[in-house]
mmCIF file of all heavy atoms, coordinates in Angstrom:
data_MODEL
# 
_entry.id   MODEL 
# 
loop_
_atom_site.group_PDB 
_atom_site.id 
_atom_site.type_symbol 
_atom_site.label_atom_id 
_atom_site.label_alt_id 
_atom_site.label_comp_id 
_atom_site.label_asym_id 
_atom_site.label_entity_id 
_atom_site.label_seq_id 
_atom_site.pdbx_PDB_ins_code 
_atom_site.Cartn_x 
_atom_site.Cartn_y 
_atom_site.Cartn_z 
_atom_site.occupancy 
_atom_site.B_iso_or_equiv 
_atom_site.pdbx_formal_charge 
_atom_site.auth_seq_id 
_atom_site.auth_comp_id 
_atom_site.auth_asym_id 
_atom_site.auth_atom_id 
_atom_site.pdbx_PDB_model_num 
ATOM 1   N N   . SER A 1 1  ? 3.270   63.119 246.316 1.00 0.00 ? 1  SER A N   1 
ATOM 2   C CA  . SER A 1 1  ? 4.248   62.050 246.278 1.00 0.00 ? 1  SER A CA  1 
ATOM 3   C C   . SER A 1 1  ? 4.983   62.067 244.934 1.00 0.00 ? 1  SER A C   1 
ATOM 4   O O   . SER A 1 1  ? 4.333   62.114 243.892 1.00 0.00 ? 1  SER A O   1 
ATOM 5   C CB  . SER A 1 1  ? 3.500   60.673 246.443 1.00 0.00 ? 1  SER A CB  1 
ATOM 6   O OG  . SER A 1 1  ? 4.450   59.624 246.350 1.00 0.00 ? 1  SER A OG  1 
ATOM 7   N N   . GLY A 1 2  ? 6.293   62.126 245.026 1.00 0.00 ? 2  GLY A N   1 
ATOM 8   C CA  . GLY A 1 2  ? 7.092   62.165 243.788 1.00 0.00 ? 2  GLY A CA  1 
ATOM 9   C C   . GLY A 1 2  ? 6.753   63.279 242.895 1.00 0.00 ? 2  GLY A C   1 
ATOM 10  O O   . GLY A 1 2  ? 6.831   63.111 241.659 1.00 0.00 ? 2  GLY A O   1 
ATOM 11  N N   . GLY A 1 3  ? 6.386   64.410 243.418 1.00 0.00 ? 3  GLY A N   1 
ATOM 12  C CA  . GLY A 1 3  ? 6.092   65.596 242.652 1.00 0.00 ? 3  GLY A CA  1 
ATOM 13  C C   . GLY A 1 3  ? 4.669   65.578 242.049 1.00 0.00 ? 3  GLY A C   1 
ATOM 14  O O   . GLY A 1 3  ? 4.279   66.541 241.413 1.00 0.00 ? 3  GLY A O   1 
ATOM 15  N N   . MET A 1 4  ? 3.926   64.473 242.301 1.00 0.00 ? 4  MET A N   1 
ATOM 16  C CA  . MET A 1 4  ? 2.560   64.414 241.878 1.00 0.00 ? 4  MET A CA  1 
ATOM 17  C C   . MET A 1 4  ? 1.560   64.651 243.016 1.00 0.00 ? 4  MET A C   1 
ATOM 18  O O   . MET A 1 4  ? 1.840   64.251 244.162 1.00 0.00 ? 4  MET A O   1 
ATOM 19  C CB  . MET A 1 4  ? 2.265   63.010 241.249 1.00 0.00 ? 4  MET A CB  1 
ATOM 20  C CG  . MET A 1 4  ? 3.144   62.672 240.042 1.00 0.00 ? 4  MET A CG  1 
ATOM 21  S SD  . MET A 1 4  ? 2.743   63.592 238.608 1.00 0.00 ? 4  MET A SD  1 
ATOM 22  C CE  . MET A 1 4  ? 1.097   62.936 238.250 1.00 0.00 ? 4  MET A CE  1 
ATOM 23  N N   . ILE A 1 5  ? 0.424   65.272 242.668 1.00 0.00 ? 5  ILE A N   1 
ATOM 24  C CA  . ILE A 1 5  ? -0.566  65.568 243.704 1.00 0.00 ? 5  ILE A CA  1 
ATOM 25  C C   . ILE A 1 5  ? -1.858  64.810 243.377 1.00 0.00 ? 5  ILE A C   1 
ATOM 26  O O   . ILE A 1 5  ? -2.280  64.900 242.202 1.00 0.00 ? 5  ILE A O   1 
ATOM 27  C CB  . ILE A 1 5  ? -0.836  67.094 243.831 1.00 0.00 ? 5  ILE A CB  1 
ATOM 28  C CG1 . ILE A 1 5  ? 0.349   67.807 244.328 1.00 0.00 ? 5  ILE A CG1 1 
ATOM 29  C CG2 . ILE A 1 5  ? -2.024  67.380 244.760 1.00 0.00 ? 5  ILE A CG2 1 
ATOM 30  C CD1 . ILE A 1 5  ? 0.232   69.284 244.531 1.00 0.00 ? 5  ILE A CD1 1 
ATOM 31  N N   . THR A 1 6  ? -2.388  64.126 244.308 1.00 0.00 ? 6  THR A N   1 
ATOM 32  C CA  . THR A 1 6  ? -3.681  63.381 244.133 1.00 0.00 ? 6  THR A CA  1 
ATOM 33  C C   . THR A 1 6  ? -4.623  63.824 245.216 1.00 0.00 ? 6  THR A C   1 
ATOM 34  O O   . THR A 1 6  ? -4.213  64.389 246.278 1.00 0.00 ? 6  THR A O   1 
ATOM 35  C CB  . THR A 1 6  ? -3.471  61.861 244.134 1.00 0.00 ? 6  THR A CB  1 
ATOM 36  O OG1 . THR A 1 6  ? -2.864  61.540 245.427 1.00 0.00 ? 6  THR A OG1 1 
ATOM 37  C CG2 . THR A 1 6  ? -2.584  61.424 242.969 1.00 0.00 ? 6  THR A CG2 1 
ATOM 38  N N   . ARG A 1 7  ? -5.889  63.627 244.984 1.00 0.00 ? 7  ARG A N   1 
ATOM 39  C CA  . ARG A 1 7  ? -6.908  63.927 245.998 1.00 0.00 ? 7  ARG A CA  1 
ATOM 40  C C   . ARG A 1 7  ? -7.419  62.665 246.624 1.00 0.00 ? 7  ARG A C   1 
ATOM 41  O O   . ARG A 1 7  ? -7.672  61.663 245.955 1.00 0.00 ? 7  ARG A O   1 
ATOM 42  C CB  . ARG A 1 7  ? -8.072  64.695 245.327 1.00 0.00 ? 7  ARG A CB  1 
ATOM 43  C CG  . ARG A 1 7  ? -7.803  66.184 245.037 1.00 0.00 ? 7  ARG A CG  1 
ATOM 44  C CD  . ARG A 1 7  ? -8.993  66.866 244.548 1.00 0.00 ? 7  ARG A CD  1 
ATOM 45  N NE  . ARG A 1 7  ? -9.446  66.415 243.233 1.00 0.00 ? 7  ARG A NE  1 
ATOM 46  C CZ  . ARG A 1 7  ? -10.640 66.577 242.725 1.00 0.00 ? 7  ARG A CZ  1 
ATOM 47  N NH1 . ARG A 1 7  ? -11.581 67.209 243.448 1.00 0.00 ? 7  ARG A NH1 1 
ATOM 48  N NH2 . ARG A 1 7  ? -10.947 66.116 241.510 1.00 0.00 ? 7  ARG A NH2 1 
ATOM 49  N N   . LEU A 1 8  ? -7.553  62.704 247.927 1.00 0.00 ? 8  LEU A N   1 
ATOM 50  C CA  . LEU A 1 8  ? -8.169  61.598 248.615 1.00 0.00 ? 8  LEU A CA  1 
ATOM 51  C C   . LEU A 1 8  ? -9.666  61.617 248.396 1.00 0.00 ? 8  LEU A C   1 
ATOM 52  O O   . LEU A 1 8  ? -10.309 62.683 248.419 1.00 0.00 ? 8  LEU A O   1 
ATOM 53  C CB  . LEU A 1 8  ? -7.911  61.775 250.170 1.00 0.00 ? 8  LEU A CB  1 
ATOM 54  C CG  . LEU A 1 8  ? -8.086  60.534 251.066 1.00 0.00 ? 8  LEU A CG  1 
ATOM 55  C CD1 . LEU A 1 8  ? -7.071  59.421 250.727 1.00 0.00 ? 8  LEU A CD1 1 
ATOM 56  C CD2 . LEU A 1 8  ? -7.937  60.941 252.511 1.00 0.00 ? 8  LEU A CD2 1 
ATOM 57  N N   . PRO A 1 9  ? -10.304 60.449 248.084 1.00 0.00 ? 9  PRO A N   1 
ATOM 58  C CA  . PRO A 1 9  ? -11.723 60.420 247.815 1.00 0.00 ? 9  PRO A CA  1 
ATOM 59  C C   . PRO A 1 9  ? -12.563 60.589 249.085 1.00 0.00 ? 9  PRO A C   1 
ATOM 60  O O   . PRO A 1 9  ? -13.213 59.705 249.562 1.00 0.00 ? 9  PRO A O   1 
ATOM 61  C CB  . PRO A 1 9  ? -11.945 59.077 247.170 1.00 0.00 ? 9  PRO A CB  1 
ATOM 62  C CG  . PRO A 1 9  ? -10.903 58.241 247.737 1.00 0.00 ? 9  PRO A CG  1 
ATOM 63  C CD  . PRO A 1 9  ? -9.728  59.102 247.870 1.00 0.00 ? 9  PRO A CD  1 
ATOM 64  N N   . VAL A 1 10 ? -12.483 61.795 249.678 1.00 0.00 ? 10 VAL A N   1 
ATOM 65  C CA  . VAL A 1 10 ? -13.062 62.033 250.995 1.00 0.00 ? 10 VAL A CA  1 
ATOM 66  C C   . VAL A 1 10 ? -14.595 61.904 251.018 1.00 0.00 ? 10 VAL A C   1 
ATOM 67  O O   . VAL A 1 10 ? -15.138 61.490 252.017 1.00 0.00 ? 10 VAL A O   1 
ATOM 68  C CB  . VAL A 1 10 ? -12.637 63.418 251.512 1.00 0.00 ? 10 VAL A CB  1 
ATOM 69  C CG1 . VAL A 1 10 ? -11.168 63.453 251.937 1.00 0.00 ? 10 VAL A CG1 1 
ATOM 70  C CG2 . VAL A 1 10 ? -12.950 64.536 250.529 1.00 0.00 ? 10 VAL A CG2 1 
ATOM 71  N N   . GLY A 1 11 ? -15.223 62.199 249.919 1.00 0.00 ? 11 GLY A N   1 
ATOM 72  C CA  . GLY A 1 11 ? -16.668 62.023 249.866 1.00 0.00 ? 11 GLY A CA  1 
ATOM 73  C C   . GLY A 1 11 ? -17.052 60.598 249.931 1.00 0.00 ? 11 GLY A C   1 
ATOM 74  O O   . GLY A 1 11 ? -17.890 60.206 250.730 1.00 0.00 ? 11 GLY A O   1 
ATOM 75  N N   . GLU A 1 12 ? -16.400 59.760 249.135 1.00 0.00 ? 12 GLU A N   1 
ATOM 76  C CA  . GLU A 1 12 ? -16.680 58.350 249.155 1.00 0.00 ? 12 GLU A CA  1 
ATOM 77  C C   . GLU A 1 12 ? -16.373 57.655 250.504 1.00 0.00 ? 12 GLU A C   1 
ATOM 78  O O   . GLU A 1 12 ? -17.117 56.867 251.013 1.00 0.00 ? 12 GLU A O   1 
ATOM 79  C CB  . GLU A 1 12 ? -15.887 57.627 248.063 1.00 0.00 ? 12 GLU A CB  1 
ATOM 80  C CG  . GLU A 1 12 ? -16.112 56.193 247.879 1.00 0.00 ? 12 GLU A CG  1 
ATOM 81  C CD  . GLU A 1 12 ? -15.388 55.600 246.693 1.00 0.00 ? 12 GLU A CD  1 
ATOM 82  O OE1 . GLU A 1 12 ? -14.856 56.350 245.888 1.00 0.00 ? 12 GLU A OE1 1 
ATOM 83  O OE2 . GLU A 1 12 ? -15.323 54.330 246.634 1.00 0.00 ? 12 GLU A OE2 1 
ATOM 84  N N   . LEU A 1 13 ? -15.197 58.051 251.086 1.00 0.00 ? 13 LEU A N   1 
ATOM 85  C CA  . LEU A 1 13 ? -14.791 57.449 252.371 1.00 0.00 ? 13 LEU A CA  1 
ATOM 86  C C   . LEU A 1 13 ? -15.776 57.847 253.489 1.00 0.00 ? 13 LEU A C   1 
ATOM 87  O O   . LEU A 1 13 ? -16.096 57.051 254.364 1.00 0.00 ? 13 LEU A O   1 
ATOM 88  C CB  . LEU A 1 13 ? -13.357 57.906 252.737 1.00 0.00 ? 13 LEU A CB  1 
ATOM 89  C CG  . LEU A 1 13 ? -12.285 57.351 251.799 1.00 0.00 ? 13 LEU A CG  1 
ATOM 90  C CD1 . LEU A 1 13 ? -10.943 57.988 252.163 1.00 0.00 ? 13 LEU A CD1 1 
ATOM 91  C CD2 . LEU A 1 13 ? -12.216 55.852 251.859 1.00 0.00 ? 13 LEU A CD2 1 
ATOM 92  N N   . THR A 1 14 ? -16.236 59.090 253.448 1.00 0.00 ? 14 THR A N   1 
ATOM 93  C CA  . THR A 1 14 ? -17.250 59.527 254.494 1.00 0.00 ? 14 THR A CA  1 
ATOM 94  C C   . THR A 1 14 ? -18.551 58.894 254.255 1.00 0.00 ? 14 THR A C   1 
ATOM 95  O O   . THR A 1 14 ? -19.263 58.545 255.187 1.00 0.00 ? 14 THR A O   1 
ATOM 96  C CB  . THR A 1 14 ? -17.320 61.070 254.423 1.00 0.00 ? 14 THR A CB  1 
ATOM 97  O OG1 . THR A 1 14 ? -16.012 61.667 254.596 1.00 0.00 ? 14 THR A OG1 1 
ATOM 98  C CG2 . THR A 1 14 ? -18.235 61.545 255.563 1.00 0.00 ? 14 THR A CG2 1 
ATOM 99  N N   . TRP A 1 15 ? -18.981 58.802 252.962 1.00 0.00 ? 15 TRP A N   1 
ATOM 100 C CA  . TRP A 1 15 ? -20.249 58.155 252.635 1.00 0.00 ? 15 TRP A CA  1 
ATOM 101 C C   . TRP A 1 15 ? -20.341 56.710 253.191 1.00 0.00 ? 15 TRP A C   1 
ATOM 102 O O   . TRP A 1 15 ? -21.373 56.264 253.618 1.00 0.00 ? 15 TRP A O   1 
ATOM 103 C CB  . TRP A 1 15 ? -20.487 58.177 251.152 1.00 0.00 ? 15 TRP A CB  1 
ATOM 104 C CG  . TRP A 1 15 ? -21.632 57.355 250.669 1.00 0.00 ? 15 TRP A CG  1 
ATOM 105 C CD1 . TRP A 1 15 ? -22.937 57.750 250.701 1.00 0.00 ? 15 TRP A CD1 1 
ATOM 106 C CD2 . TRP A 1 15 ? -21.657 56.028 250.139 1.00 0.00 ? 15 TRP A CD2 1 
ATOM 107 N NE1 . TRP A 1 15 ? -23.749 56.751 250.160 1.00 0.00 ? 15 TRP A NE1 1 
ATOM 108 C CE2 . TRP A 1 15 ? -22.915 55.642 249.889 1.00 0.00 ? 15 TRP A CE2 1 
ATOM 109 C CE3 . TRP A 1 15 ? -20.625 55.101 249.921 1.00 0.00 ? 15 TRP A CE3 1 
ATOM 110 C CZ2 . TRP A 1 15 ? -23.313 54.427 249.363 1.00 0.00 ? 15 TRP A CZ2 1 
ATOM 111 C CZ3 . TRP A 1 15 ? -20.944 53.870 249.404 1.00 0.00 ? 15 TRP A CZ3 1 
ATOM 112 C CH2 . TRP A 1 15 ? -22.292 53.523 249.149 1.00 0.00 ? 15 TRP A CH2 1 
ATOM 113 N N   . LEU A 1 16 ? -19.213 56.023 253.226 1.00 0.00 ? 16 LEU A N   1 
ATOM 114 C CA  . LEU A 1 16 ? -19.215 54.633 253.707 1.00 0.00 ? 16 LEU A CA  1 
ATOM 115 C C   . LEU A 1 16 ? -19.742 54.548 255.148 1.00 0.00 ? 16 LEU A C   1 
ATOM 116 O O   . LEU A 1 16 ? -20.402 53.645 255.515 1.00 0.00 ? 16 LEU A O   1 
ATOM 117 C CB  . LEU A 1 16 ? -17.805 54.065 253.706 1.00 0.00 ? 16 LEU A CB  1 
ATOM 118 C CG  . LEU A 1 16 ? -17.302 53.618 252.315 1.00 0.00 ? 16 LEU A CG  1 
ATOM 119 C CD1 . LEU A 1 16 ? -15.837 53.281 252.378 1.00 0.00 ? 16 LEU A CD1 1 
ATOM 120 C CD2 . LEU A 1 16 ? -18.066 52.410 251.764 1.00 0.00 ? 16 LEU A CD2 1 
ATOM 121 N N   . GLY A 1 17 ? -19.494 55.591 255.916 1.00 0.00 ? 17 GLY A N   1 
ATOM 122 C CA  . GLY A 1 17 ? -19.973 55.642 257.332 1.00 0.00 ? 17 GLY A CA  1 
ATOM 123 C C   . GLY A 1 17 ? -21.343 56.271 257.457 1.00 0.00 ? 17 GLY A C   1 
ATOM 124 O O   . GLY A 1 17 ? -21.893 56.274 258.596 1.00 0.00 ? 17 GLY A O   1 
ATOM 125 N N   . GLU A 1 18 ? -21.876 56.884 256.390 1.00 0.00 ? 18 GLU A N   1 
ATOM 126 C CA  . GLU A 1 18 ? -23.155 57.575 256.474 1.00 0.00 ? 18 GLU A CA  1 
ATOM 127 C C   . GLU A 1 18 ? -24.140 57.023 255.470 1.00 0.00 ? 18 GLU A C   1 
ATOM 128 O O   . GLU A 1 18 ? -25.207 57.650 255.198 1.00 0.00 ? 18 GLU A O   1 
ATOM 129 C CB  . GLU A 1 18 ? -22.926 59.109 256.279 1.00 0.00 ? 18 GLU A CB  1 
ATOM 130 C CG  . GLU A 1 18 ? -22.099 59.685 257.421 1.00 0.00 ? 18 GLU A CG  1 
ATOM 131 C CD  . GLU A 1 18 ? -22.126 61.188 257.414 1.00 0.00 ? 18 GLU A CD  1 
ATOM 132 O OE1 . GLU A 1 18 ? -22.519 61.790 256.382 1.00 0.00 ? 18 GLU A OE1 1 
ATOM 133 O OE2 . GLU A 1 18 ? -21.704 61.790 258.431 1.00 0.00 ? 18 GLU A OE2 1 
ATOM 134 N N   . ALA A 1 19 ? -23.824 55.864 254.882 1.00 0.00 ? 19 ALA A N   1 
ATOM 135 C CA  . ALA A 1 19 ? -24.714 55.328 253.835 1.00 0.00 ? 19 ALA A CA  1 
ATOM 136 C C   . ALA A 1 19 ? -26.087 54.905 254.404 1.00 0.00 ? 19 ALA A C   1 
ATOM 137 O O   . ALA A 1 19 ? -27.025 54.685 253.654 1.00 0.00 ? 19 ALA A O   1 
ATOM 138 C CB  . ALA A 1 19 ? -24.084 54.071 253.217 1.00 0.00 ? 19 ALA A CB  1 
ATOM 139 N N   . GLY A 1 20 ? -26.237 54.884 255.735 1.00 0.00 ? 20 GLY A N   1 
ATOM 140 C CA  . GLY A 1 20 ? -27.468 54.520 256.305 1.00 0.00 ? 20 GLY A CA  1 
ATOM 141 C C   . GLY A 1 20 ? -28.328 55.707 256.743 1.00 0.00 ? 20 GLY A C   1 
ATOM 142 O O   . GLY A 1 20 ? -29.357 55.516 257.448 1.00 0.00 ? 20 GLY A O   1 
ATOM 143 N N   . LEU A 1 21 ? -27.963 56.890 256.340 1.00 0.00 ? 21 LEU A N   1 
ATOM 144 C CA  . LEU A 1 21 ? -28.783 58.071 256.639 1.00 0.00 ? 21 LEU A CA  1 
ATOM 145 C C   . LEU A 1 21 ? -30.153 57.914 255.987 1.00 0.00 ? 21 LEU A C   1 
ATOM 146 O O   . LEU A 1 21 ? -30.318 57.287 254.980 1.00 0.00 ? 21 LEU A O   1 
ATOM 147 C CB  . LEU A 1 21 ? -28.152 59.359 256.139 1.00 0.00 ? 21 LEU A CB  1 
ATOM 148 C CG  . LEU A 1 21 ? -26.854 59.810 256.862 1.00 0.00 ? 21 LEU A CG  1 
ATOM 149 C CD1 . LEU A 1 21 ? -26.256 60.944 256.112 1.00 0.00 ? 21 LEU A CD1 1 
ATOM 150 C CD2 . LEU A 1 21 ? -27.130 60.200 258.278 1.00 0.00 ? 21 LEU A CD2 1 
ATOM 151 N N   . PRO A 1 22 ? -31.234 58.524 256.608 1.00 0.00 ? 22 PRO A N   1 
ATOM 152 C CA  . PRO A 1 22 ? -32.586 58.382 256.039 1.00 0.00 ? 22 PRO A CA  1 
ATOM 153 C C   . PRO A 1 22 ? -32.634 58.928 254.593 1.00 0.00 ? 22 PRO A C   1 
ATOM 154 O O   . PRO A 1 22 ? -32.116 60.007 254.323 1.00 0.00 ? 22 PRO A O   1 
ATOM 155 C CB  . PRO A 1 22 ? -33.410 59.244 256.960 1.00 0.00 ? 22 PRO A CB  1 
ATOM 156 C CG  . PRO A 1 22 ? -32.661 59.290 258.262 1.00 0.00 ? 22 PRO A CG  1 
ATOM 157 C CD  . PRO A 1 22 ? -31.198 59.273 257.845 1.00 0.00 ? 22 PRO A CD  1 
ATOM 158 N N   . ARG A 1 23 ? -33.239 58.195 253.711 1.00 0.00 ? 23 ARG A N   1 
ATOM 159 C CA  . ARG A 1 23 ? -33.345 58.525 252.334 1.00 0.00 ? 23 ARG A CA  1 
ATOM 160 C C   . ARG A 1 23 ? -34.368 59.604 252.048 1.00 0.00 ? 23 ARG A C   1 
ATOM 161 O O   . ARG A 1 23 ? -35.406 59.645 252.695 1.00 0.00 ? 23 ARG A O   1 
ATOM 162 C CB  . ARG A 1 23 ? -33.680 57.307 251.434 1.00 0.00 ? 23 ARG A CB  1 
ATOM 163 C CG  . ARG A 1 23 ? -32.591 56.222 251.472 1.00 0.00 ? 23 ARG A CG  1 
ATOM 164 C CD  . ARG A 1 23 ? -31.282 56.728 250.851 1.00 0.00 ? 23 ARG A CD  1 
ATOM 165 N NE  . ARG A 1 23 ? -31.501 57.142 249.425 1.00 0.00 ? 23 ARG A NE  1 
ATOM 166 C CZ  . ARG A 1 23 ? -31.479 56.317 248.408 1.00 0.00 ? 23 ARG A CZ  1 
ATOM 167 N NH1 . ARG A 1 23 ? -31.257 55.053 248.583 1.00 0.00 ? 23 ARG A NH1 1 
ATOM 168 N NH2 . ARG A 1 23 ? -31.682 56.773 247.184 1.00 0.00 ? 23 ARG A NH2 1 
ATOM 169 N N   . ILE A 1 24 ? -34.106 60.516 251.147 1.00 0.00 ? 24 ILE A N   1 
ATOM 170 C CA  . ILE A 1 24 ? -35.072 61.514 250.669 1.00 0.00 ? 24 ILE A CA  1 
ATOM 171 C C   . ILE A 1 24 ? -35.696 61.049 249.368 1.00 0.00 ? 24 ILE A C   1 
ATOM 172 O O   . ILE A 1 24 ? -34.985 60.817 248.427 1.00 0.00 ? 24 ILE A O   1 
ATOM 173 C CB  . ILE A 1 24 ? -34.429 62.921 250.502 1.00 0.00 ? 24 ILE A CB  1 
ATOM 174 C CG1 . ILE A 1 24 ? -33.792 63.366 251.783 1.00 0.00 ? 24 ILE A CG1 1 
ATOM 175 C CG2 . ILE A 1 24 ? -35.418 63.903 249.974 1.00 0.00 ? 24 ILE A CG2 1 
ATOM 176 C CD1 . ILE A 1 24 ? -34.763 63.724 252.879 1.00 0.00 ? 24 ILE A CD1 1 
ATOM 177 N N   . PRO A 1 25 ? -37.019 60.861 249.320 1.00 0.00 ? 25 PRO A N   1 
ATOM 178 C CA  . PRO A 1 25 ? -37.612 60.460 248.047 1.00 0.00 ? 25 PRO A CA  1 
ATOM 179 C C   . PRO A 1 25 ? -37.289 61.421 246.928 1.00 0.00 ? 25 PRO A C   1 
ATOM 180 O O   . PRO A 1 25 ? -37.397 62.642 247.120 1.00 0.00 ? 25 PRO A O   1 
ATOM 181 C CB  . PRO A 1 25 ? -39.101 60.401 248.367 1.00 0.00 ? 25 PRO A CB  1 
ATOM 182 C CG  . PRO A 1 25 ? -39.228 60.249 249.867 1.00 0.00 ? 25 PRO A CG  1 
ATOM 183 C CD  . PRO A 1 25 ? -38.040 61.000 250.405 1.00 0.00 ? 25 PRO A CD  1 
ATOM 184 N N   . SER A 1 26 ? -36.875 60.915 245.814 1.00 0.00 ? 26 SER A N   1 
ATOM 185 C CA  . SER A 1 26 ? -36.477 61.779 244.681 1.00 0.00 ? 26 SER A CA  1 
ATOM 186 C C   . SER A 1 26 ? -36.760 61.099 243.367 1.00 0.00 ? 26 SER A C   1 
ATOM 187 O O   . SER A 1 26 ? -36.634 59.908 243.261 1.00 0.00 ? 26 SER A O   1 
ATOM 188 C CB  . SER A 1 26 ? -34.994 62.195 244.787 1.00 0.00 ? 26 SER A CB  1 
ATOM 189 O OG  . SER A 1 26 ? -34.595 62.900 243.660 1.00 0.00 ? 26 SER A OG  1 
ATOM 190 N N   . ALA A 1 27 ? -37.111 61.917 242.379 1.00 0.00 ? 27 ALA A N   1 
ATOM 191 C CA  . ALA A 1 27 ? -37.304 61.357 241.045 1.00 0.00 ? 27 ALA A CA  1 
ATOM 192 C C   . ALA A 1 27 ? -35.989 61.108 240.310 1.00 0.00 ? 27 ALA A C   1 
ATOM 193 O O   . ALA A 1 27 ? -35.982 60.355 239.273 1.00 0.00 ? 27 ALA A O   1 
ATOM 194 C CB  . ALA A 1 27 ? -38.163 62.338 240.196 1.00 0.00 ? 27 ALA A CB  1 
ATOM 195 N N   . THR A 1 28 ? -34.927 61.671 240.849 1.00 0.00 ? 28 THR A N   1 
ATOM 196 C CA  . THR A 1 28 ? -33.569 61.413 240.244 1.00 0.00 ? 28 THR A CA  1 
ATOM 197 C C   . THR A 1 28 ? -33.056 60.056 240.652 1.00 0.00 ? 28 THR A C   1 
ATOM 198 O O   . THR A 1 28 ? -32.951 59.750 241.829 1.00 0.00 ? 28 THR A O   1 
ATOM 199 C CB  . THR A 1 28 ? -32.596 62.504 240.640 1.00 0.00 ? 28 THR A CB  1 
ATOM 200 O OG1 . THR A 1 28 ? -33.137 63.810 240.446 1.00 0.00 ? 28 THR A OG1 1 
ATOM 201 C CG2 . THR A 1 28 ? -31.280 62.348 239.923 1.00 0.00 ? 28 THR A CG2 1 
ATOM 202 N N   . PRO A 1 29 ? -32.676 59.239 239.676 1.00 0.00 ? 29 PRO A N   1 
ATOM 203 C CA  . PRO A 1 29 ? -32.122 57.926 239.990 1.00 0.00 ? 29 PRO A CA  1 
ATOM 204 C C   . PRO A 1 29 ? -30.834 58.007 240.846 1.00 0.00 ? 29 PRO A C   1 
ATOM 205 O O   . PRO A 1 29 ? -30.106 58.957 240.689 1.00 0.00 ? 29 PRO A O   1 
ATOM 206 C CB  . PRO A 1 29 ? -31.857 57.243 238.604 1.00 0.00 ? 29 PRO A CB  1 
ATOM 207 C CG  . PRO A 1 29 ? -32.638 58.063 237.657 1.00 0.00 ? 29 PRO A CG  1 
ATOM 208 C CD  . PRO A 1 29 ? -32.715 59.433 238.229 1.00 0.00 ? 29 PRO A CD  1 
ATOM 209 N N   . ASP A 1 30 ? -30.615 56.994 241.671 1.00 0.00 ? 30 ASP A N   1 
ATOM 210 C CA  . ASP A 1 30 ? -29.349 56.935 242.409 1.00 0.00 ? 30 ASP A CA  1 
ATOM 211 C C   . ASP A 1 30 ? -28.155 56.917 241.452 1.00 0.00 ? 30 ASP A C   1 
ATOM 212 O O   . ASP A 1 30 ? -28.186 56.367 240.321 1.00 0.00 ? 30 ASP A O   1 
ATOM 213 C CB  . ASP A 1 30 ? -29.294 55.619 243.254 1.00 0.00 ? 30 ASP A CB  1 
ATOM 214 C CG  . ASP A 1 30 ? -30.120 55.770 244.515 1.00 0.00 ? 30 ASP A CG  1 
ATOM 215 O OD1 . ASP A 1 30 ? -30.729 56.800 244.693 1.00 0.00 ? 30 ASP A OD1 1 
ATOM 216 O OD2 . ASP A 1 30 ? -30.159 54.783 245.285 1.00 0.00 ? 30 ASP A OD2 1 
# 
């Protein structure tokens, strides 16, 4: 748009629909 290029936050938008997937126990904080 107007000579500028941006990226759609496709990871975040997809995560909204998959946030309820089964969690994997991990020592790394969310």
